[in-house]
C-alpha atoms as a PDB file:
ATOM      1  CA  MET A   1     -36.346 -17.748 -24.801  1.00  0.00           C
ATOM      2  CA  ASP A   2     -34.132 -16.309 -27.127  1.00  0.00           C
ATOM      3  CA  LYS A   3     -31.529 -13.585 -25.266  1.00  0.00           C
ATOM      4  CA  THR A   4     -31.131 -10.602 -27.004  1.00  0.00           C
ATOM      5  CA  ILE A   5     -27.888  -8.425 -26.369  1.00  0.00           C
ATOM      6  CA  THR A   6     -29.550  -5.883 -24.679  1.00  0.00           C
ATOM      7  CA  GLU A   7     -30.640  -7.847 -21.154  1.00  0.00           C
ATOM      8  CA  PHE A   8     -28.215  -7.479 -18.844  1.00  0.00           C
ATOM      9  CA  SER A   9     -26.492 -10.224 -17.009  1.00  0.00           C
ATOM     10  CA  LEU A  10     -25.039  -9.612 -13.605  1.00  0.00           C
ATOM     11  CA  GLY A  11     -22.970 -12.704 -13.767  1.00  0.00           C
ATOM     12  CA  LEU A  12     -21.345 -11.360 -17.429  1.00  0.00           C
ATOM     13  CA  PHE A  13     -20.704  -8.029 -15.313  1.00  0.00           C
ATOM     14  CA  THR A  14     -18.805  -9.289 -12.346  1.00  0.00           C
ATOM     15  CA  TRP A  15     -16.659 -11.791 -14.167  1.00  0.00           C
ATOM     16  CA  GLN A  16     -15.888  -8.716 -17.004  1.00  0.00           C
ATOM     17  CA  ALA A  17     -15.028  -5.925 -14.350  1.00  0.00           C
ATOM     18  CA  LEU A  18     -13.110  -8.399 -12.381  1.00  0.00           C
ATOM     19  CA  ILE A  19     -10.677  -9.135 -15.362  1.00  0.00           C
ATOM     20  CA  ILE A  20     -10.598  -5.799 -16.149  1.00  0.00           C
ATOM     21  CA  ILE A  21      -9.742  -4.939 -12.773  1.00  0.00           C
ATOM     22  CA  SER A  22      -7.622  -7.888 -12.568  1.00  0.00           C
ATOM     23  CA  PHE A  23      -5.713  -6.399 -15.676  1.00  0.00           C
ATOM     24  CA  GLY A  24      -5.073  -2.664 -13.844  1.00  0.00           C
ATOM     25  CA  LEU A  25      -3.514  -4.103 -11.109  1.00  0.00           C
ATOM     26  CA  TRP A  26      -1.422  -6.432 -13.344  1.00  0.00           C
ATOM     27  CA  ILE A  27      -0.144  -2.903 -15.404  1.00  0.00           C
ATOM     28  CA  PHE A  28       0.507  -1.506 -12.284  1.00  0.00           C
ATOM     29  CA  CYS A  29       2.152  -3.741 -10.359  1.00  0.00           C
ATOM     30  CA  LEU A  30       4.745  -3.555 -13.600  1.00  0.00           C
ATOM     31  CA  ILE A  31       5.096  -0.472 -13.621  1.00  0.00           C
ATOM     32  CA  ASP A  32       5.919   0.210 -10.446  1.00  0.00           C
ATOM     33  CA  ILE A  33       8.565  -2.557 -10.353  1.00  0.00           C
ATOM     34  CA  LEU A  34      10.313  -1.257 -13.504  1.00  0.00           C
ATOM     35  CA  ARG A  35       9.983   2.398 -12.182  1.00  0.00           C
ATOM     36  CA  ASN A  36      11.643   1.983  -8.807  1.00  0.00           C
ATOM     37  CA  GLN A  37      15.078  -0.412  -7.762  1.00  0.00           C
ATOM     38  CA  PHE A  38      15.165  -3.022  -5.615  1.00  0.00           C
ATOM     39  CA  GLN A  39      18.597  -4.603  -3.989  1.00  0.00           C
ATOM     40  CA  LYS A  40      20.387  -7.282  -6.112  1.00  0.00           C
ATOM     41  CA  ASN A  41      18.244  -9.164  -8.770  1.00  0.00           C
ATOM     42  CA  ASP A  42      14.837  -8.487  -6.821  1.00  0.00           C
ATOM     43  CA  LYS A  43      13.596  -6.169  -9.621  1.00  0.00           C
ATOM     44  CA  VAL A  44      13.756  -8.740 -12.173  1.00  0.00           C
ATOM     45  CA  ILE A  45      12.929 -11.515  -9.631  1.00  0.00           C
ATOM     46  CA  TRP A  46       9.491  -9.471  -8.877  1.00  0.00           C
ATOM     47  CA  ALA A  47       8.998  -8.874 -12.225  1.00  0.00           C
ATOM     48  CA  LEU A  48       9.102 -12.387 -13.352  1.00  0.00           C
ATOM     49  CA  VAL A  49       6.475 -13.308 -10.574  1.00  0.00           C
ATOM     50  CA  VAL A  50       4.465 -10.733 -11.827  1.00  0.00           C
ATOM     51  CA  ILE A  51       3.987 -11.781 -15.699  1.00  0.00           C
ATOM     52  CA  LEU A  52       4.234 -15.121 -14.533  1.00  0.00           C
ATOM     53  CA  LEU A  53       1.503 -15.631 -12.218  1.00  0.00           C
ATOM     54  CA  PRO A  54      -0.904 -12.456 -13.182  1.00  0.00           C
ATOM     55  CA  PHE A  55      -2.934 -12.211 -10.814  1.00  0.00           C
ATOM     56  CA  ILE A  56      -1.120 -13.996  -7.747  1.00  0.00           C
ATOM     57  CA  GLY A  57       2.320 -12.523  -8.066  1.00  0.00           C
ATOM     58  CA  SER A  58       0.268  -8.524  -8.353  1.00  0.00           C
ATOM     59  CA  LEU A  59      -1.241  -9.300  -4.924  1.00  0.00           C
ATOM     60  CA  LEU A  60       1.793 -11.286  -3.288  1.00  0.00           C
ATOM     61  CA  TYR A  61       4.459  -7.844  -4.904  1.00  0.00           C
ATOM     62  CA  LEU A  62       1.089  -5.603  -3.294  1.00  0.00           C
ATOM     63  CA  PHE A  63       1.953  -7.226  -0.199  1.00  0.00           C
ATOM     64  CA  ILE A  64       5.536  -8.211   0.339  1.00  0.00           C
ATOM     65  CA  GLY A  65       7.550  -6.373  -2.717  1.00  0.00           C
ATOM     66  CA  GLN A  66       6.836  -3.228  -2.170  1.00  0.00           C
ATOM     67  CA  SER A  67       8.559  -3.317   1.397  1.00  0.00           C
ATOM     68  CA  LYS A  68      11.486  -4.265  -0.465  1.00  0.00           C
ATOM     69  CA  LYS A  69      11.748  -1.368  -2.405  1.00  0.00           C
ATOM     70  CA  LEU A  70      15.131   1.021  -2.305  1.00  0.00           C
ATOM     71  CA  LYS A  71      14.211   3.742  -0.181  1.00  0.00           C
ATOM     72  CA  LEU A  72      15.778   7.065  -2.214  1.00  0.00           C
ATOM     73  CA  ASN A  73      16.922  10.332  -1.372  1.00  0.00           C
END
């Protein structure tokens, strides 16, 4: 009945993978926000959204925020 460390747990692996992917997405979005320019205070607003709502804020930024970046020549 005792579980050993050598046993593989698919559930644990799935949660760990989701957490690592979520953290990577969060870092990617923050770096993208800081490297690009936005209109007025949009950069600060997007940074706060991504910081305060890590997973949902990152998804919102990917689907909405990236189209708000200023296009520089």
